[in-house]
Amino acid sequence: MDHPLPEISWHCARLHELSPLELQRIHIARQQVFAVEQNCVFQDADEVDEHSAHLAAWRADGVLLAYARLVDPGVKYAEPSLGRVLTTAAARGTGVGRALVRRAVDHLTAAFPEQGLRISAQLRLERFYAEAGFVSIGEPYLEDDMPHIEMLRRG
């Protein structure tokens, strides 16, 4: 860790429970990280958002630090899954990304016990997700022109 973990307020909500401002800040962060920083053009906001919980780490001044989409089972995969996992530039190097994944795993495991969790992880983050108990399955593949690997965390 390069920087100490800032004061964080965690909030997990369904799409209809998010305020318009929270939703706007989440969409801005998703576009900044995936479209701008990673130069990955795809339809970010989609119908999966409606079937997901949205876990966000907020700084006291309302700045979004980290975010993950917690997808219900049967939407993308048979198992519940993680998606759109990001840490904003303001929080990189603080450990908030690891805290985000721990909280996401805890939330999904509590909501859907014994089902396991799945993620389509960017290949460069395979070790990061392995630290959280995910195991690579299958071979790497391209998703939106970026190498990915499917990973599973057993229930």
C-alpha atoms as a PDB file:
ATOM      1  CA  MET A   1       0.000   0.000   0.000  1.00  0.00           C
ATOM      2  CA  ASP A   2       1.316   3.417  -0.940  1.00  0.00           C
ATOM      3  CA  HIS A   3      -1.209   5.555   0.928  1.00  0.00           C
ATOM      4  CA  PRO A   4      -3.275   5.061   4.087  1.00  0.00           C
ATOM      5  CA  LEU A   5      -6.863   3.955   3.681  1.00  0.00           C
ATOM      6  CA  PRO A   6      -9.132   7.029   3.763  1.00  0.00           C
ATOM      7  CA  GLU A   7     -12.290   7.358   5.847  1.00  0.00           C
ATOM      8  CA  ILE A   8     -14.841   5.349   3.894  1.00  0.00           C
ATOM      9  CA  SER A   9     -18.591   5.042   3.971  1.00  0.00           C
ATOM     10  CA  TRP A  10     -19.765   1.789   2.361  1.00  0.00           C
ATOM     11  CA  HIS A  11     -23.165   1.637   0.700  1.00  0.00           C
ATOM     12  CA  CYS A  12     -24.776  -1.362  -0.998  1.00  0.00           C
ATOM     13  CA  ALA A  13     -28.099  -0.801  -2.735  1.00  0.00           C
ATOM     14  CA  ARG A  14     -30.299  -2.036  -5.539  1.00  0.00           C
ATOM     15  CA  LEU A  15     -30.569   0.229  -8.578  1.00  0.00           C
ATOM     16  CA  HIS A  16     -33.904   1.749  -7.528  1.00  0.00           C
ATOM     17  CA  GLU A  17     -32.466   2.586  -4.087  1.00  0.00           C
ATOM     18  CA  LEU A  18     -29.587   4.698  -5.411  1.00  0.00           C
ATOM     19  CA  SER A  19     -30.037   8.449  -5.467  1.00  0.00           C
ATOM     20  CA  PRO A  20     -29.741  10.145  -8.857  1.00  0.00           C
ATOM     21  CA  LEU A  21     -26.449  11.716  -7.713  1.00  0.00           C
ATOM     22  CA  GLU A  22     -25.019   8.361  -6.558  1.00  0.00           C
ATOM     23  CA  LEU A  23     -25.997   6.749  -9.854  1.00  0.00           C
ATOM     24  CA  GLN A  24     -24.455   9.598 -11.850  1.00  0.00           C
ATOM     25  CA  ARG A  25     -21.166   9.365  -9.917  1.00  0.00           C
ATOM     26  CA  ILE A  26     -21.088   5.580 -10.366  1.00  0.00           C
ATOM     27  CA  HIS A  27     -21.652   5.899 -14.124  1.00  0.00           C
ATOM     28  CA  ILE A  28     -18.994   8.620 -14.394  1.00  0.00           C
ATOM     29  CA  ALA A  29     -16.480   6.392 -12.581  1.00  0.00           C
ATOM     30  CA  ARG A  30     -17.335   3.358 -14.719  1.00  0.00           C
ATOM     31  CA  GLN A  31     -16.902   5.393 -17.901  1.00  0.00           C
ATOM     32  CA  GLN A  32     -13.674   6.991 -16.648  1.00  0.00           C
ATOM     33  CA  VAL A  33     -12.048   3.692 -15.697  1.00  0.00           C
ATOM     34  CA  PHE A  34     -13.273   1.406 -18.461  1.00  0.00           C
ATOM     35  CA  ALA A  35     -13.776   3.694 -21.480  1.00  0.00           C
ATOM     36  CA  VAL A  36     -11.233   6.466 -20.887  1.00  0.00           C
ATOM     37  CA  GLU A  37      -8.382   4.877 -18.896  1.00  0.00           C
ATOM     38  CA  GLN A  38      -8.586   1.380 -20.394  1.00  0.00           C
ATOM     39  CA  ASN A  39      -9.714   2.547 -23.847  1.00  0.00           C
ATOM     40  CA  CYS A  40     -12.386  -0.138 -23.830  1.00  0.00           C
ATOM     41  CA  VAL A  41     -15.502   0.820 -25.730  1.00  0.00           C
ATOM     42  CA  PHE A  42     -18.614  -1.166 -24.783  1.00  0.00           C
ATOM     43  CA  GLN A  43     -22.134  -0.486 -23.554  1.00  0.00           C
ATOM     44  CA  ASP A  44     -21.501   0.000 -19.857  1.00  0.00           C
ATOM     45  CA  ALA A  45     -24.965   0.748 -18.474  1.00  0.00           C
ATOM     46  CA  ASP A  46     -27.173  -2.218 -19.310  1.00  0.00           C
ATOM     47  CA  GLU A  47     -30.118  -4.286 -18.111  1.00  0.00           C
ATOM     48  CA  VAL A  48     -27.823  -6.236 -15.766  1.00  0.00           C
ATOM     49  CA  ASP A  49     -27.763  -3.139 -13.525  1.00  0.00           C
ATOM     50  CA  GLU A  50     -31.449  -3.782 -12.756  1.00  0.00           C
ATOM     51  CA  HIS A  51     -30.659  -7.284 -11.461  1.00  0.00           C
ATOM     52  CA  SER A  52     -27.726  -6.309  -9.287  1.00  0.00           C
ATOM     53  CA  ALA A  53     -26.762  -4.735  -6.015  1.00  0.00           C
ATOM     54  CA  HIS A  54     -24.336  -1.837  -6.308  1.00  0.00           C
ATOM     55  CA  LEU A  55     -21.555  -1.714  -3.711  1.00  0.00           C
ATOM     56  CA  ALA A  56     -19.753   1.604  -3.411  1.00  0.00           C
ATOM     57  CA  ALA A  57     -17.083   3.094  -1.179  1.00  0.00           C
ATOM     58  CA  TRP A  58     -17.583   6.824  -0.664  1.00  0.00           C
ATOM     59  CA  ARG A  59     -15.249   9.396   0.832  1.00  0.00           C
ATOM     60  CA  ALA A  60     -16.825  11.818   3.346  1.00  0.00           C
ATOM     61  CA  ASP A  61     -16.945  14.581   0.713  1.00  0.00           C
ATOM     62  CA  GLY A  62     -18.987  12.391  -1.667  1.00  0.00           C
ATOM     63  CA  VAL A  63     -16.139  11.255  -3.907  1.00  0.00           C
ATOM     64  CA  LEU A  64     -16.561   7.680  -5.141  1.00  0.00           C
ATOM     65  CA  LEU A  65     -13.476   5.609  -4.287  1.00  0.00           C
ATOM     66  CA  ALA A  66     -14.437   2.101  -5.414  1.00  0.00           C
ATOM     67  CA  TYR A  67     -17.378   0.256  -6.900  1.00  0.00           C
ATOM     68  CA  ALA A  68     -18.546  -3.253  -7.794  1.00  0.00           C
ATOM     69  CA  ARG A  69     -21.711  -4.587  -9.385  1.00  0.00           C
ATOM     70  CA  LEU A  70     -23.008  -7.660  -7.517  1.00  0.00           C
ATOM     71  CA  VAL A  71     -25.058  -9.605 -10.034  1.00  0.00           C
ATOM     72  CA  ASP A  72     -27.877 -11.934  -8.997  1.00  0.00           C
ATOM     73  CA  PRO A  73     -27.589 -15.634  -9.885  1.00  0.00           C
ATOM     74  CA  GLY A  74     -29.126 -16.586 -13.207  1.00  0.00           C
ATOM     75  CA  VAL A  75     -28.490 -13.207 -14.855  1.00  0.00           C
ATOM     76  CA  LYS A  76     -25.003 -13.540 -16.348  1.00  0.00           C
ATOM     77  CA  TYR A  77     -24.078 -16.938 -14.912  1.00  0.00           C
ATOM     78  CA  ALA A  78     -25.821 -19.651 -12.923  1.00  0.00           C
ATOM     79  CA  GLU A  79     -23.942 -18.346  -9.873  1.00  0.00           C
ATOM     80  CA  PRO A  80     -23.978 -14.830  -8.468  1.00  0.00           C
ATOM     81  CA  SER A  81     -21.141 -12.795  -9.946  1.00  0.00           C
ATOM     82  CA  LEU A  82     -18.996  -9.711  -9.571  1.00  0.00           C
ATOM     83  CA  GLY A  83     -18.666  -7.190 -12.347  1.00  0.00           C
ATOM     84  CA  ARG A  84     -17.619  -3.628 -13.157  1.00  0.00           C
ATOM     85  CA  VAL A  85     -15.114  -3.809 -10.272  1.00  0.00           C
ATOM     86  CA  LEU A  86     -13.110  -0.589 -10.097  1.00  0.00           C
ATOM     87  CA  THR A  87     -11.011   1.636  -7.899  1.00  0.00           C
ATOM     88  CA  THR A  88     -10.894   5.299  -8.854  1.00  0.00           C
ATOM     89  CA  ALA A  89      -7.607   7.158  -9.245  1.00  0.00           C
ATOM     90  CA  ALA A  90      -8.255   8.901  -5.902  1.00  0.00           C
ATOM     91  CA  ALA A  91      -8.104   5.564  -4.039  1.00  0.00           C
ATOM     92  CA  ARG A  92      -5.489   3.518  -5.872  1.00  0.00           C
ATOM     93  CA  GLY A  93      -2.702   2.265  -3.652  1.00  0.00           C
ATOM     94  CA  THR A  94      -4.768   2.547  -0.463  1.00  0.00           C
ATOM     95  CA  GLY A  95      -6.039  -1.034  -0.182  1.00  0.00           C
ATOM     96  CA  VAL A  96      -9.631   0.008  -0.859  1.00  0.00           C
ATOM     97  CA  GLY A  97      -9.782  -2.351  -3.872  1.00  0.00           C
ATOM     98  CA  ARG A  98      -9.027  -5.362  -1.685  1.00  0.00           C
ATOM     99  CA  ALA A  99     -11.527  -4.140   0.902  1.00  0.00           C
ATOM    100  CA  LEU A 100     -14.108  -3.762  -1.879  1.00  0.00           C
ATOM    101  CA  VAL A 101     -13.649  -7.339  -3.096  1.00  0.00           C
ATOM    102  CA  ARG A 102     -13.793  -8.684   0.490  1.00  0.00           C
ATOM    103  CA  ARG A 103     -17.056  -6.831   1.113  1.00  0.00           C
ATOM    104  CA  ALA A 104     -18.480  -7.926  -2.236  1.00  0.00           C
ATOM    105  CA  VAL A 105     -17.652 -11.570  -1.498  1.00  0.00           C
ATOM    106  CA  ASP A 106     -19.135 -11.274   2.005  1.00  0.00           C
ATOM    107  CA  HIS A 107     -22.316  -9.649   0.685  1.00  0.00           C
ATOM    108  CA  LEU A 108     -22.883 -12.185  -2.108  1.00  0.00           C
ATOM    109  CA  THR A 109     -22.027 -15.143   0.129  1.00  0.00           C
ATOM    110  CA  ALA A 110     -24.528 -13.961   2.754  1.00  0.00           C
ATOM    111  CA  ALA A 111     -27.237 -13.299   0.157  1.00  0.00           C
ATOM    112  CA  PHE A 112     -26.662 -16.518  -1.806  1.00  0.00           C
ATOM    113  CA  PRO A 113     -25.031 -19.068   0.527  1.00  0.00           C
ATOM    114  CA  GLU A 114     -23.292 -22.124  -0.908  1.00  0.00           C
ATOM    115  CA  GLN A 115     -23.726 -21.027  -4.538  1.00  0.00           C
ATOM    116  CA  GLY A 116     -20.161 -19.963  -5.254  1.00  0.00           C
ATOM    117  CA  LEU A 117     -19.227 -16.767  -7.068  1.00  0.00           C
ATOM    118  CA  ARG A 118     -18.035 -16.159 -10.608  1.00  0.00           C
ATOM    119  CA  ILE A 119     -16.141 -13.327 -12.265  1.00  0.00           C
ATOM    120  CA  SER A 120     -14.909 -12.592 -15.757  1.00  0.00           C
ATOM    121  CA  ALA A 121     -11.635 -11.039 -14.611  1.00  0.00           C
ATOM    122  CA  GLN A 122      -9.179  -9.019 -16.612  1.00  0.00           C
ATOM    123  CA  LEU A 123      -6.242 -11.358 -17.050  1.00  0.00           C
ATOM    124  CA  ARG A 124      -3.820  -8.839 -15.519  1.00  0.00           C
ATOM    125  CA  LEU A 125      -5.868  -9.035 -12.276  1.00  0.00           C
ATOM    126  CA  GLU A 126      -5.903 -12.838 -12.009  1.00  0.00           C
ATOM    127  CA  ARG A 127      -3.536 -12.857  -9.004  1.00  0.00           C
ATOM    128  CA  PHE A 128      -5.536 -10.089  -7.286  1.00  0.00           C
ATOM    129  CA  TYR A 129      -8.739 -12.169  -7.437  1.00  0.00           C
ATOM    130  CA  ALA A 130      -6.867 -15.360  -6.505  1.00  0.00           C
ATOM    131  CA  GLU A 131      -5.977 -13.627  -3.216  1.00  0.00           C
ATOM    132  CA  ALA A 132      -9.739 -13.405  -2.568  1.00  0.00           C
ATOM    133  CA  GLY A 133     -10.230 -17.135  -3.144  1.00  0.00           C
ATOM    134  CA  PHE A 134     -11.090 -17.161  -6.852  1.00  0.00           C
ATOM    135  CA  VAL A 135      -9.623 -19.932  -9.028  1.00  0.00           C
ATOM    136  CA  SER A 136      -9.111 -19.621 -12.778  1.00  0.00           C
ATOM    137  CA  ILE A 137     -11.177 -21.954 -14.923  1.00  0.00           C
ATOM    138  CA  GLY A 138     -10.746 -22.429 -18.631  1.00  0.00           C
ATOM    139  CA  GLU A 139      -8.444 -20.527 -20.926  1.00  0.00           C
ATOM    140  CA  PRO A 140      -7.969 -16.771 -21.323  1.00  0.00           C
ATOM    141  CA  TYR A 141     -10.227 -15.099 -23.891  1.00  0.00           C
ATOM    142  CA  LEU A 142     -10.847 -11.654 -25.323  1.00  0.00           C
ATOM    143  CA  GLU A 143     -13.746  -9.620 -24.001  1.00  0.00           C
ATOM    144  CA  ASP A 144     -14.085  -6.163 -25.532  1.00  0.00           C
ATOM    145  CA  ASP A 145     -10.574  -6.619 -27.007  1.00  0.00           C
ATOM    146  CA  MET A 146      -9.062  -7.122 -23.542  1.00  0.00           C
ATOM    147  CA  PRO A 147      -7.695 -10.459 -22.233  1.00  0.00           C
ATOM    148  CA  HIS A 148      -9.952 -11.975 -19.554  1.00  0.00           C
ATOM    149  CA  ILE A 149     -10.137 -15.210 -17.587  1.00  0.00           C
ATOM    150  CA  GLU A 150     -13.196 -16.756 -15.992  1.00  0.00           C
ATOM    151  CA  MET A 151     -12.717 -17.349 -12.272  1.00  0.00           C
ATOM    152  CA  LEU A 152     -14.811 -19.191  -9.704  1.00  0.00           C
ATOM    153  CA  ARG A 153     -14.924 -19.013  -5.913  1.00  0.00           C
ATOM    154  CA  ARG A 154     -16.522 -22.150  -4.541  1.00  0.00           C
ATOM    155  CA  GLY A 155     -19.442 -21.836  -2.134  1.00  0.00           C
END
